[in-house]
Amino acid sequence: MPKVIHFEIPAVNAERAVKFYESAFGWKFDKYGQMDYYLATAGDDKEPGINGAITIKGALTTATTNTIGVASFEDAVKKIVAAGGEVLMPKTAVPGVGYMAYCKDTEGNVFGIMQSDPNAK
């Protein structure tokens, strides 16, 4: 059964948001690539919970967004659309991580889906 594997917190100023979460909660951050995207380690892996990221606020990232891990990207898209949801962006490779897209549920909430694939380019 797919579950939430990652969260994204949108920010107008990513560096300012990183400083806030470091100070308020002790989270650790690593910048990902050349973009304003900061991976967050939000606690010990032995504790319940997930890690996430700070990203720049944009058209698809206006509120905290959860990403759901899926075994098959294509199968997940079919199920999302059949259930009344919508795919908001095409399948996108995250090099060395997998394939993702943002989608919308029947209530207008944006969420991500991610199929792991270390060979993604």
Protein backbone atom coordinates (compact mmCIF):
# COMPACT_ATOMS: atom_id res chain seq x y z
CA MET A 1 0.00 0.00 0.00
CA PRO A 2 1.54 3.36 -1.00
CA LYS A 3 2.34 5.78 1.82
CA VAL A 4 3.67 9.29 2.27
CA ILE A 5 7.46 9.22 1.88
CA HIS A 6 8.43 12.90 1.61
CA PHE A 7 7.10 16.39 2.32
CA GLU A 8 7.87 19.76 0.74
CA ILE A 9 7.43 23.06 2.55
CA PRO A 10 7.21 26.01 0.13
CA ALA A 11 8.98 29.26 0.96
CA VAL A 12 9.36 32.68 -0.60
CA ASN A 13 12.94 32.73 0.76
CA ALA A 14 14.28 29.16 1.03
CA GLU A 15 17.42 30.10 2.96
CA ARG A 16 15.35 31.98 5.55
CA ALA A 17 13.01 28.98 5.91
CA VAL A 18 15.98 26.63 6.32
CA LYS A 19 17.32 28.82 9.15
CA PHE A 20 13.88 28.81 10.81
CA TYR A 21 13.51 25.00 10.81
CA GLU A 22 17.13 24.54 11.89
CA SER A 23 16.58 26.89 14.84
CA ALA A 24 13.07 25.83 15.79
CA PHE A 25 13.43 22.04 15.42
CA GLY A 26 17.10 21.23 14.90
CA TRP A 27 16.50 19.86 11.41
CA LYS A 28 19.57 19.37 9.20
CA PHE A 29 19.59 20.53 5.56
CA ASP A 30 21.58 19.72 2.43
CA LYS A 31 21.19 21.75 -0.76
CA TYR A 32 20.10 19.55 -3.68
CA GLY A 33 21.70 20.43 -7.01
CA GLN A 34 21.82 23.98 -8.33
CA MET A 35 18.22 24.93 -7.51
CA ASP A 36 16.80 26.41 -4.31
CA TYR A 37 15.83 22.99 -2.95
CA TYR A 38 17.04 21.93 0.47
CA LEU A 39 16.64 18.32 1.63
CA ALA A 40 15.60 18.13 5.28
CA THR A 41 16.58 15.46 7.77
CA ALA A 42 13.78 15.90 10.28
CA GLY A 43 14.89 13.43 12.93
CA ASP A 44 16.58 10.11 13.55
CA ASP A 45 15.65 7.40 11.04
CA LYS A 46 14.85 5.09 13.97
CA GLU A 47 12.01 7.41 15.04
CA PRO A 48 8.58 7.54 13.34
CA GLY A 49 8.16 10.16 10.65
CA ILE A 50 9.53 11.17 7.27
CA ASN A 51 12.08 13.59 5.91
CA GLY A 52 11.35 16.28 3.37
CA ALA A 53 12.55 19.51 1.83
CA ILE A 54 12.21 23.26 1.60
CA THR A 55 11.35 24.43 -1.93
CA ILE A 56 10.53 27.74 -3.56
CA LYS A 57 6.85 28.65 -3.48
CA GLY A 58 5.39 28.33 -6.98
CA ALA A 59 2.25 27.56 -8.96
CA LEU A 60 2.16 23.91 -7.84
CA THR A 61 3.82 24.36 -4.45
CA THR A 62 1.67 26.83 -2.54
CA ALA A 63 1.17 24.75 0.62
CA THR A 64 2.97 21.84 2.27
CA THR A 65 2.92 19.01 -0.25
CA ASN A 66 3.15 15.32 0.60
CA THR A 67 4.70 12.86 -1.85
CA ILE A 68 3.40 9.30 -1.98
CA GLY A 69 5.71 6.47 -2.98
CA VAL A 70 4.31 4.25 -5.75
CA ALA A 71 5.57 0.98 -7.24
CA SER A 72 4.51 1.90 -10.79
CA PHE A 73 4.22 5.51 -11.95
CA GLU A 74 1.93 4.63 -14.85
CA ASP A 75 -0.39 2.45 -12.74
CA ALA A 76 -0.65 5.18 -10.10
CA VAL A 77 -1.57 7.80 -12.73
CA LYS A 78 -4.31 5.54 -14.11
CA LYS A 79 -5.77 5.02 -10.61
CA ILE A 80 -5.56 8.72 -9.73
CA VAL A 81 -7.42 9.74 -12.90
CA ALA A 82 -9.99 6.93 -12.53
CA ALA A 83 -10.69 8.06 -8.95
CA GLY A 84 -11.42 11.62 -10.14
CA GLY A 85 -7.99 13.15 -9.62
CA GLU A 86 -5.84 15.07 -12.07
CA VAL A 87 -2.19 14.94 -13.11
CA LEU A 88 -0.76 18.48 -13.08
CA MET A 89 2.62 17.87 -14.71
CA PRO A 90 4.22 15.21 -16.90
CA LYS A 91 6.37 12.40 -15.56
CA THR A 92 9.63 14.06 -14.51
CA ALA A 93 12.97 12.37 -13.85
CA VAL A 94 14.82 13.21 -10.66
CA PRO A 95 18.29 11.97 -11.64
CA GLY A 96 19.48 9.08 -9.51
CA VAL A 97 16.25 9.09 -7.46
CA GLY A 98 13.25 8.21 -9.64
CA TYR A 99 10.24 9.66 -11.45
CA MET A 100 7.72 12.10 -10.02
CA ALA A 101 4.76 14.32 -10.81
CA TYR A 102 2.39 16.59 -8.96
CA CYS A 103 -1.30 15.63 -8.96
CA LYS A 104 -4.54 17.01 -7.52
CA ASP A 105 -7.17 15.08 -5.55
CA THR A 106 -10.94 15.55 -5.77
CA GLU A 107 -10.79 18.24 -3.06
CA GLY A 108 -8.23 20.40 -4.87
CA ASN A 109 -5.24 19.32 -2.75
CA VAL A 110 -1.92 19.00 -4.56
CA PHE A 111 0.26 15.95 -3.81
CA GLY A 112 3.22 14.28 -5.42
CA ILE A 113 3.82 10.72 -6.55
CA MET A 114 7.30 9.18 -6.79
CA GLN A 115 8.46 5.91 -8.28
CA SER A 116 11.98 5.08 -7.06
CA ASP A 117 14.49 4.32 -9.79
CA PRO A 118 18.20 4.94 -9.15
CA ASN A 119 18.75 4.80 -12.93
CA ALA A 120 16.46 7.78 -13.62
CA LYS A 121 18.08 10.40 -15.87
